[in-house]
Protein backbone atom coordinates (compact mmCIF):
# COMPACT_ATOMS: atom_id res chain seq x y z
CA UNK A 1 -40.77 -39.88 -28.64
CA UNK A 2 -43.49 -39.68 -31.32
CA UNK A 3 -44.20 -36.23 -32.86
CA UNK A 4 -45.63 -35.25 -36.19
CA UNK A 5 -43.89 -33.72 -39.15
CA UNK A 6 -44.81 -30.12 -40.09
CA UNK A 7 -44.55 -30.35 -43.86
CA UNK A 8 -41.23 -31.93 -44.87
CA UNK A 9 -39.68 -28.51 -45.49
CA UNK A 10 -39.85 -26.65 -42.35
CA UNK A 11 -37.71 -29.24 -40.49
CA UNK A 12 -34.52 -28.88 -42.58
CA UNK A 13 -35.01 -25.36 -43.93
CA UNK A 14 -36.32 -22.90 -41.38
CA UNK A 15 -37.08 -24.27 -37.91
CA UNK A 16 -33.84 -24.77 -35.80
CA UNK A 17 -35.80 -26.15 -32.88
CA UNK A 18 -36.54 -29.41 -34.80
CA UNK A 19 -33.43 -31.55 -34.69
CA UNK A 20 -35.23 -34.74 -35.13
CA UNK A 21 -38.75 -36.33 -35.53
CA UNK A 22 -39.52 -39.79 -34.20
CA UNK A 23 -35.87 -40.42 -33.25
CA UNK A 24 -35.11 -42.85 -30.38
CA UNK A 25 -33.56 -40.78 -27.55
CA UNK A 26 -29.79 -40.72 -27.45
CA UNK A 27 -28.10 -43.50 -25.28
CA UNK A 28 -24.78 -45.30 -24.65
CA UNK A 29 -23.27 -47.29 -27.43
CA UNK A 30 -24.22 -50.94 -27.20
CA UNK A 31 -25.76 -53.87 -29.12
CA UNK A 32 -28.14 -56.50 -27.89
CA UNK A 33 -26.87 -60.05 -28.19
CA UNK A 34 -28.58 -63.39 -28.37
CA UNK A 35 -26.56 -65.24 -25.77
CA UNK A 36 -23.75 -64.87 -23.27
CA UNK A 37 -21.03 -66.24 -25.61
CA UNK A 38 -21.85 -63.58 -28.14
CA UNK A 39 -21.92 -60.80 -25.64
CA UNK A 40 -18.58 -61.54 -23.91
CA UNK A 41 -16.94 -61.12 -27.38
CA UNK A 42 -18.14 -57.44 -27.17
CA UNK A 43 -18.04 -57.22 -31.06
CA UNK A 44 -21.21 -55.29 -31.82
CA UNK A 45 -21.55 -56.17 -35.50
CA UNK A 46 -21.07 -59.83 -34.97
CA UNK A 47 -24.28 -59.96 -32.86
CA UNK A 48 -26.85 -62.34 -34.51
CA UNK A 49 -29.46 -59.71 -33.64
CA UNK A 50 -27.66 -57.18 -35.98
CA UNK A 51 -27.66 -56.88 -39.73
CA UNK A 52 -25.28 -54.36 -41.46
CA UNK A 53 -26.78 -52.56 -44.34
CA UNK A 54 -23.45 -51.31 -45.69
CA UNK A 55 -22.71 -51.87 -49.37
CA UNK A 56 -24.28 -50.85 -52.64
CA UNK A 57 -27.36 -48.62 -52.52
CA UNK A 58 -29.29 -47.13 -55.43
CA UNK A 59 -28.49 -43.40 -55.65
CA UNK A 60 -29.46 -40.23 -57.51
CA UNK A 61 -28.33 -36.67 -56.69
CA UNK A 62 -30.60 -33.64 -57.41
CA UNK A 63 -29.69 -29.97 -57.51
CA UNK A 64 -32.03 -29.08 -54.68
CA UNK A 65 -35.23 -29.95 -52.75
CA UNK A 66 -37.50 -28.83 -55.64
CA UNK A 67 -35.97 -31.29 -58.15
CA UNK A 68 -36.13 -34.42 -56.07
CA UNK A 69 -38.98 -36.87 -56.74
CA UNK A 70 -41.47 -36.98 -53.86
CA UNK A 71 -42.37 -40.66 -54.41
CA UNK A 72 -38.78 -42.16 -54.84
CA UNK A 73 -39.14 -44.27 -51.75
CA UNK A 74 -42.33 -45.97 -52.75
CA UNK A 75 -42.14 -49.68 -53.36
CA UNK A 76 -43.47 -49.23 -56.96
CA UNK A 77 -40.93 -46.56 -57.92
CA UNK A 78 -38.83 -47.46 -60.88
CA UNK A 79 -35.15 -46.91 -59.98
CA UNK A 80 -33.51 -49.38 -62.39
CA UNK A 81 -31.68 -46.61 -64.20
CA UNK A 82 -30.33 -45.02 -61.06
CA UNK A 83 -26.70 -45.28 -60.13
CA UNK A 84 -25.26 -47.30 -57.27
CA UNK A 85 -23.22 -45.85 -54.55
CA UNK A 86 -21.17 -47.16 -51.74
CA UNK A 87 -22.58 -46.78 -48.27
CA UNK A 88 -20.80 -45.62 -46.07
CA UNK A 89 -18.96 -42.97 -47.99
CA UNK A 90 -19.25 -39.27 -49.02
CA UNK A 91 -20.90 -38.84 -52.36
CA UNK A 92 -18.30 -36.28 -53.46
CA UNK A 93 -15.58 -39.05 -53.40
CA UNK A 94 -17.80 -41.05 -55.74
CA UNK A 95 -18.22 -38.53 -58.53
CA UNK A 96 -21.04 -36.42 -57.43
CA UNK A 97 -21.36 -32.70 -56.44
CA UNK A 98 -18.08 -31.05 -55.41
CA UNK A 99 -15.92 -31.00 -52.28
CA UNK A 100 -15.46 -27.69 -50.67
CA UNK A 101 -12.90 -26.62 -48.12
CA UNK A 102 -13.88 -23.86 -45.56
CA UNK A 103 -12.39 -22.44 -42.39
CA UNK A 104 -14.12 -19.44 -41.04
CA UNK A 105 -16.74 -18.90 -43.80
CA UNK A 106 -19.98 -20.64 -44.35
CA UNK A 107 -19.93 -22.91 -47.48
CA UNK A 108 -22.83 -21.02 -49.14
CA UNK A 109 -21.31 -17.49 -48.77
CA UNK A 110 -21.10 -15.71 -52.03
CA UNK A 111 -23.60 -17.96 -53.76
CA UNK A 112 -26.80 -17.33 -51.66
CA UNK A 113 -27.68 -14.56 -49.38
CA UNK A 114 -29.34 -16.12 -46.32
CA UNK A 115 -29.51 -15.42 -42.56
CA UNK A 116 -29.80 -17.78 -39.71
CA UNK A 117 -31.56 -20.14 -39.29
CA UNK A 118 -32.49 -20.56 -42.92
CA UNK A 119 -30.68 -23.22 -45.01
CA UNK A 120 -29.81 -22.66 -48.65
CA UNK A 121 -32.54 -23.63 -51.16
CA UNK A 122 -30.99 -22.77 -54.58
CA UNK A 123 -27.93 -24.72 -54.39
CA UNK A 124 -28.44 -27.38 -51.67
CA UNK A 125 -27.93 -30.82 -53.32
CA UNK A 126 -30.29 -33.73 -52.16
CA UNK A 127 -29.19 -37.24 -52.43
CA UNK A 128 -31.77 -39.84 -52.57
CA UNK A 129 -30.75 -43.48 -51.47
CA UNK A 130 -32.71 -46.63 -51.90
CA UNK A 131 -32.02 -50.02 -50.27
CA UNK A 132 -34.20 -53.17 -50.48
CA UNK A 133 -33.96 -55.47 -47.39
CA UNK A 134 -35.55 -58.78 -46.56
CA UNK A 135 -37.38 -59.16 -43.44
CA UNK A 136 -38.17 -62.60 -42.02
CA UNK A 137 -41.54 -63.43 -40.52
CA UNK A 138 -39.84 -64.08 -37.17
CA UNK A 139 -38.87 -60.44 -36.79
CA UNK A 140 -42.47 -59.15 -37.10
CA UNK A 141 -43.08 -59.66 -33.31
CA UNK A 142 -39.75 -58.09 -32.36
CA UNK A 143 -38.82 -54.52 -31.88
CA UNK A 144 -36.76 -53.60 -34.96
CA UNK A 145 -34.47 -50.54 -34.93
CA UNK A 146 -32.83 -48.91 -37.85
CA UNK A 147 -29.61 -46.97 -37.02
CA UNK A 148 -27.50 -44.45 -38.95
CA UNK A 149 -24.15 -43.75 -37.20
CA UNK A 150 -23.54 -40.58 -39.23
CA UNK A 151 -25.21 -38.66 -42.10
CA UNK A 152 -24.12 -35.32 -43.39
CA UNK A 153 -26.05 -33.10 -42.72
CA UNK A 154 -29.77 -33.94 -42.46
CA UNK A 155 -32.16 -36.49 -43.81
CA UNK A 156 -35.65 -37.96 -43.90
CA UNK A 157 -36.20 -41.72 -43.57
CA UNK A 158 -38.80 -43.61 -45.48
CA UNK A 159 -39.82 -47.26 -45.08
CA UNK A 160 -42.11 -48.75 -47.79
CA UNK A 161 -43.00 -45.24 -48.82
CA UNK A 162 -43.98 -44.02 -45.46
CA UNK A 163 -42.04 -41.12 -44.03
CA UNK A 164 -40.80 -42.52 -40.67
CA UNK A 165 -38.48 -39.85 -39.28
CA UNK A 166 -36.17 -36.94 -39.67
CA UNK A 167 -32.76 -36.16 -38.21
CA UNK A 168 -29.92 -33.62 -38.27
CA UNK A 169 -26.50 -33.26 -36.48
CA UNK A 170 -24.10 -34.81 -38.87
CA UNK A 171 -21.87 -36.60 -36.31
CA UNK A 172 -24.48 -38.18 -33.93
CA UNK A 173 -26.23 -41.45 -34.12
CA UNK A 174 -29.85 -41.48 -35.41
CA UNK A 175 -32.04 -44.41 -34.41
CA UNK A 176 -35.67 -45.15 -35.46
CA UNK A 177 -38.02 -47.77 -34.39
CA UNK A 178 -39.37 -49.24 -37.69
CA UNK A 179 -41.37 -52.12 -36.19
CA UNK A 180 -44.78 -50.90 -37.35
CA UNK A 181 -43.58 -50.03 -40.81
CA UNK A 182 -42.07 -53.34 -41.99
CA UNK A 183 -43.64 -56.47 -43.53
CA UNK A 184 -42.62 -59.94 -44.32
CA UNK A 185 -40.43 -60.21 -47.40
CA UNK A 186 -39.08 -57.26 -49.37
CA UNK A 187 -38.97 -53.90 -47.75
CA UNK A 188 -37.77 -50.52 -49.27
CA UNK A 189 -35.60 -48.16 -47.15
CA UNK A 190 -35.41 -44.66 -48.70
CA UNK A 191 -33.20 -42.00 -47.32
CA UNK A 192 -33.36 -38.28 -48.60
CA UNK A 193 -30.11 -36.52 -47.53
CA UNK A 194 -29.72 -32.74 -47.57
CA UNK A 195 -26.24 -31.34 -47.83
CA UNK A 196 -27.20 -28.38 -45.64
CA UNK A 197 -29.85 -27.74 -43.09
CA UNK A 198 -30.66 -25.27 -40.26
CA UNK A 199 -28.17 -27.20 -38.13
CA UNK A 200 -25.35 -26.36 -40.67
CA UNK A 201 -25.07 -22.92 -38.97
CA UNK A 202 -23.70 -24.86 -35.97
CA UNK A 203 -21.45 -27.13 -38.09
CA UNK A 204 -18.98 -24.58 -39.33
CA UNK A 205 -15.84 -26.57 -38.59
CA UNK A 206 -12.42 -25.95 -40.25
CA UNK A 207 -12.60 -28.81 -42.64
CA UNK A 208 -13.70 -30.27 -45.92
CA UNK A 209 -17.51 -29.93 -46.35
CA UNK A 210 -19.01 -33.09 -47.89
CA UNK A 211 -22.30 -34.89 -47.97
CA UNK A 212 -23.87 -38.33 -47.67
CA UNK A 213 -24.29 -41.41 -45.41
CA UNK A 214 -20.62 -41.66 -44.16
CA UNK A 215 -20.89 -44.09 -41.24
CA UNK A 216 -22.31 -47.54 -40.71
CA UNK A 217 -26.00 -48.36 -41.22
CA UNK A 218 -27.65 -51.25 -39.56
CA UNK A 219 -30.77 -52.80 -38.06
CA UNK A 220 -30.91 -54.57 -34.67
CA UNK A 221 -33.74 -56.36 -32.88
CA UNK A 222 -34.82 -56.59 -29.27
CA UNK A 223 -37.77 -58.06 -27.47
CA UNK A 224 -40.57 -55.75 -26.45
CA UNK A 225 -38.93 -55.52 -23.09
CA UNK A 226 -35.33 -54.27 -23.44
CA UNK A 227 -32.31 -52.39 -22.08
CA UNK A 228 -32.61 -48.78 -23.35
CA UNK A 229 -29.46 -47.26 -21.74
CA UNK A 230 -26.86 -47.67 -19.10
CA UNK A 231 -24.16 -45.65 -17.28
CA UNK A 232 -20.93 -47.13 -15.77
CA UNK A 233 -18.48 -45.62 -13.18
CA UNK A 234 -15.48 -47.92 -12.72
CA UNK A 235 -12.71 -46.67 -10.39
CA UNK A 236 -10.07 -48.24 -8.21
CA UNK A 237 -9.86 -47.45 -4.50
CA UNK A 238 -7.12 -45.10 -3.16
CA UNK A 239 -4.62 -47.88 -2.84
CA UNK A 240 -5.29 -49.17 -6.39
CA UNK A 241 -6.04 -52.64 -4.91
CA UNK A 242 -9.74 -53.18 -5.60
CA UNK A 243 -11.91 -51.83 -8.39
CA UNK A 244 -15.54 -50.57 -7.76
CA UNK A 245 -18.01 -50.75 -10.58
CA UNK A 246 -21.33 -48.87 -10.29
CA UNK A 247 -23.67 -49.47 -13.13
CA UNK A 248 -27.08 -47.91 -13.69
CA UNK A 249 -29.27 -49.90 -16.18
CA UNK A 250 -32.39 -48.34 -17.68
CA UNK A 251 -35.10 -50.72 -18.99
CA UNK A 252 -38.36 -50.45 -20.89
CA UNK A 253 -41.36 -52.52 -20.45
CA UNK A 254 -43.23 -53.91 -17.46
CA UNK A 255 -40.84 -54.09 -14.60
CA UNK A 256 -42.61 -56.68 -12.38
CA UNK A 257 -41.10 -59.75 -14.06
CA UNK A 258 -37.70 -58.32 -14.99
CA UNK A 259 -34.29 -58.90 -13.37
CA UNK A 260 -30.75 -58.13 -14.19
CA UNK A 261 -27.47 -60.12 -13.82
CA UNK A 262 -24.07 -58.52 -14.02
CA UNK A 263 -20.87 -60.40 -14.86
CA UNK A 264 -17.38 -58.83 -15.05
CA UNK A 265 -14.84 -60.83 -16.90
CA UNK A 266 -11.01 -60.26 -16.93
CA UNK A 267 -8.89 -60.34 -20.10
CA UNK A 268 -8.66 -64.09 -19.94
CA UNK A 269 -12.51 -64.45 -19.87
CA UNK A 270 -12.60 -65.45 -16.21
CA UNK A 271 -15.63 -64.09 -14.14
CA UNK A 272 -14.14 -61.85 -11.38
CA UNK A 273 -17.38 -60.10 -10.09
CA UNK A 274 -21.07 -60.70 -9.94
CA UNK A 275 -24.30 -58.99 -9.03
CA UNK A 276 -28.03 -59.54 -9.59
CA UNK A 277 -31.01 -57.37 -8.90
CA UNK A 278 -34.68 -57.19 -9.54
CA UNK A 279 -35.71 -54.33 -11.85
CA UNK A 280 -36.85 -51.16 -10.11
CA UNK A 281 -40.35 -49.85 -10.76
CA UNK A 282 -38.86 -46.68 -12.04
CA UNK A 283 -37.05 -48.69 -14.70
CA UNK A 284 -33.67 -47.64 -13.30
CA UNK A 285 -31.75 -50.40 -11.55
CA UNK A 286 -28.40 -50.12 -9.80
CA UNK A 287 -25.88 -52.89 -10.04
CA UNK A 288 -22.62 -52.93 -7.95
CA UNK A 289 -19.49 -55.09 -8.14
CA UNK A 290 -15.91 -55.17 -6.61
CA UNK A 291 -13.01 -56.63 -8.48
CA UNK A 292 -10.27 -57.59 -6.09
CA UNK A 293 -6.61 -57.09 -7.08
CA UNK A 294 -7.72 -54.96 -9.89
CA UNK A 295 -5.65 -54.19 -13.00
CA UNK A 296 -5.99 -50.43 -13.49
CA UNK A 297 -6.34 -48.80 -16.96
CA UNK A 298 -3.87 -46.15 -18.14
CA UNK A 299 -2.31 -45.15 -21.46
CA UNK A 300 0.80 -47.13 -20.59
CA UNK A 301 -1.20 -50.24 -19.45
CA UNK A 302 -4.58 -50.28 -21.05
CA UNK A 303 -6.09 -53.24 -19.23
CA UNK A 304 -9.74 -53.89 -20.17
CA UNK A 305 -12.40 -55.96 -18.41
CA UNK A 306 -15.62 -57.11 -20.12
CA UNK A 307 -18.88 -56.25 -18.49
CA UNK A 308 -21.94 -58.36 -19.48
CA UNK A 309 -25.44 -57.45 -18.36
CA UNK A 310 -28.19 -59.98 -18.69
CA UNK A 311 -31.93 -58.98 -18.82
CA UNK A 312 -34.20 -61.66 -17.66
CA UNK A 313 -38.05 -62.04 -17.84
CA UNK A 314 -39.41 -64.36 -15.09
CA UNK A 315 -35.91 -65.77 -14.79
CA UNK A 316 -35.41 -66.44 -18.53
CA UNK A 317 -32.75 -64.51 -20.30
CA UNK A 318 -34.16 -62.36 -23.13
CA UNK A 319 -31.23 -59.98 -23.92
CA UNK A 320 -27.51 -59.52 -23.31
CA UNK A 321 -25.44 -56.43 -23.68
CA UNK A 322 -21.76 -55.93 -23.00
CA UNK A 323 -19.03 -53.27 -22.92
CA UNK A 324 -15.20 -53.25 -22.35
CA UNK A 325 -14.51 -51.22 -19.23
CA UNK A 326 -11.36 -49.94 -17.49
CA UNK A 327 -10.84 -49.11 -13.89
CA UNK A 328 -9.14 -45.70 -13.61
CA UNK A 329 -9.30 -42.55 -11.35
CA UNK A 330 -9.34 -39.15 -13.05
CA UNK A 331 -8.89 -36.09 -10.89
CA UNK A 332 -7.55 -32.64 -10.79
CA UNK A 333 -5.38 -31.75 -7.71
CA UNK A 334 -3.67 -28.39 -7.33
CA UNK A 335 -4.25 -27.63 -11.02
CA UNK A 336 -2.71 -30.84 -12.22
CA UNK A 337 -4.59 -33.71 -13.90
CA UNK A 338 -3.78 -37.03 -12.29
CA UNK A 339 -4.67 -40.56 -13.57
CA UNK A 340 -4.73 -43.15 -10.77
CA UNK A 341 -2.94 -40.69 -8.50
CA UNK A 342 -0.05 -40.00 -10.95
CA UNK A 343 0.56 -36.68 -12.69
CA UNK A 344 0.06 -37.12 -16.49
CA UNK A 345 1.55 -35.04 -19.26
CA UNK A 346 -0.63 -35.11 -22.46
CA UNK A 347 1.25 -35.52 -25.73
CA UNK A 348 -0.98 -35.99 -28.63
CA UNK A 349 -2.41 -34.63 -31.89
CA UNK A 350 -5.61 -33.32 -33.53
CA UNK A 351 -7.23 -35.82 -35.76
CA UNK A 352 -10.00 -35.38 -38.42
CA UNK A 353 -12.06 -38.19 -39.68
CA UNK A 354 -10.90 -37.99 -43.34
CA UNK A 355 -9.76 -40.59 -45.87
CA UNK A 356 -8.45 -39.44 -49.28
CA UNK A 357 -10.40 -42.27 -50.96
CA UNK A 358 -13.68 -42.32 -49.07
CA UNK A 359 -13.97 -38.86 -47.62
CA UNK A 360 -15.68 -38.79 -44.17
CA UNK A 361 -15.85 -42.67 -43.97
CA UNK A 362 -13.04 -44.12 -41.96
CA UNK A 363 -12.55 -47.99 -42.02
CA UNK A 364 -11.35 -49.72 -38.93
CA UNK A 365 -8.12 -50.53 -40.71
CA UNK A 366 -7.36 -46.83 -41.16
CA UNK A 367 -8.41 -46.14 -37.59
CA UNK A 368 -5.97 -48.78 -36.36
CA UNK A 369 -3.19 -47.46 -38.55
CA UNK A 370 -3.73 -43.90 -37.25
CA UNK A 371 -3.62 -45.09 -33.60
CA UNK A 372 -0.58 -47.18 -34.13
CA UNK A 373 1.34 -44.36 -35.77
CA UNK A 374 0.28 -42.14 -32.74
CA UNK A 375 1.61 -44.82 -30.32
CA UNK A 376 4.81 -45.28 -32.32
CA UNK A 377 5.36 -41.50 -32.05
CA UNK A 378 5.05 -41.62 -28.31
CA UNK A 379 1.71 -39.95 -28.21
CA UNK A 380 -0.73 -40.71 -25.35
CA UNK A 381 -3.62 -38.51 -26.35
CA UNK A 382 -5.81 -37.50 -29.33
CA UNK A 383 -8.44 -34.73 -29.82
CA UNK A 384 -11.45 -35.48 -31.89
CA UNK A 385 -11.45 -32.14 -33.78
CA UNK A 386 -14.07 -31.02 -34.15
CA UNK A 387 -16.96 -33.45 -33.50
CA UNK A 388 -17.86 -36.80 -31.96
CA UNK A 389 -15.96 -39.55 -33.78
CA UNK A 390 -17.17 -43.05 -34.89
CA UNK A 391 -17.82 -45.11 -31.68
CA UNK A 392 -15.31 -47.67 -32.94
CA UNK A 393 -12.54 -45.27 -32.74
CA UNK A 394 -13.22 -44.67 -29.03
CA UNK A 395 -13.22 -48.29 -28.45
CA UNK A 396 -9.83 -48.68 -30.16
CA UNK A 397 -8.46 -45.83 -28.00
CA UNK A 398 -9.46 -47.94 -25.00
CA UNK A 399 -7.73 -50.88 -26.39
CA UNK A 400 -4.46 -49.30 -27.38
CA UNK A 401 -4.30 -46.77 -24.50
CA UNK A 402 -5.01 -43.23 -25.73
CA UNK A 403 -6.53 -40.45 -23.63
CA UNK A 404 -9.31 -38.78 -25.63
CA UNK A 405 -10.29 -35.10 -25.70
CA UNK A 406 -13.76 -35.72 -27.09
CA UNK A 407 -15.38 -32.66 -28.84
CA UNK A 408 -18.95 -32.00 -29.49
CA UNK A 409 -20.59 -31.13 -32.79
CA UNK A 410 -20.85 -27.39 -32.62
CA UNK A 411 -18.61 -24.73 -34.08
CA UNK A 412 -19.87 -21.35 -35.36
CA UNK A 413 -16.73 -20.06 -37.02
CA UNK A 414 -18.57 -18.05 -39.64
CA UNK A 415 -20.33 -15.90 -37.03
């Protein structure tokens, strides 16, 4: 949804109703793939339509908003004497600013006397990031999306010196359509990150307070007609014999020529269910499939199928998306939670996304280590205290067999 900026100050400092400017609406986690073989692997970052921008970025930290250069993201800006920083990663873990642990206090208490919704202005470090990327001519007729999986706590995005968008909410994905801002050849991505913003009043979690781009950054491409979202309900019948999958796919673009195919593959890669439908004129199309002799998912037996959805234009495939899915029935009967009809006792732990070397950034290696330690300790559940976790962690919980208590990004301890 397009909207205009106010002045580049009101957004982060004083207007709590602005949580984003020019952001793509939130949707399910998925990646477009070039072909069916790519899609069935369900490995998002190995898609040939995706380019990770993780690695070394140019970086400079300023005391507050007033000190940062307004033109740092312009292509002509001279940043040769800037430092380099690892993205993703918290800047405090790389020698900048200071880490701060708070529980029931706001981190600026005692240094700046402010009231909600205003953010600190005297001591509110601003980190400026610069990354140059190469864009091939072939991408100029595609839809190009730039995605940030997590930035603490608010940021403005610039492409080739133009202010493209704004986002806050540290632990949520932020996506921007940058198609009209890019050019063939070298392009400059500039990110202006604020340690605190109006949203920080709602992010008073009991934890280390850090700053920076701390989750993956990448671009991906689609055609002008594309899948924008989907919902899946996958449950077994009462006898746990057959699995019923109901999928709602939301598309963008002219619906007249579009159609959708559904394939569900078992763990060996065999197709076990199919469906095909023409796209609905309201851009919301329902697909259904039945998997006979279904393997149900549970913590003890985390069996996953792979769902592949193909979007076709006049019968020609233009996009594939995929998702690992499990068939399971969750219900509460007489005050007892039951999974697939059986009573379940949750034995788990609270878990923060924190690494002593990288701060808020958690590598997949560390995620797997955490989960394997939980499973070896006979745990079957984890609570994402106190915010949505990296999407990869949830995928690994599906793979290993962990029930997840998934928390939202809102805690107002300080009030």
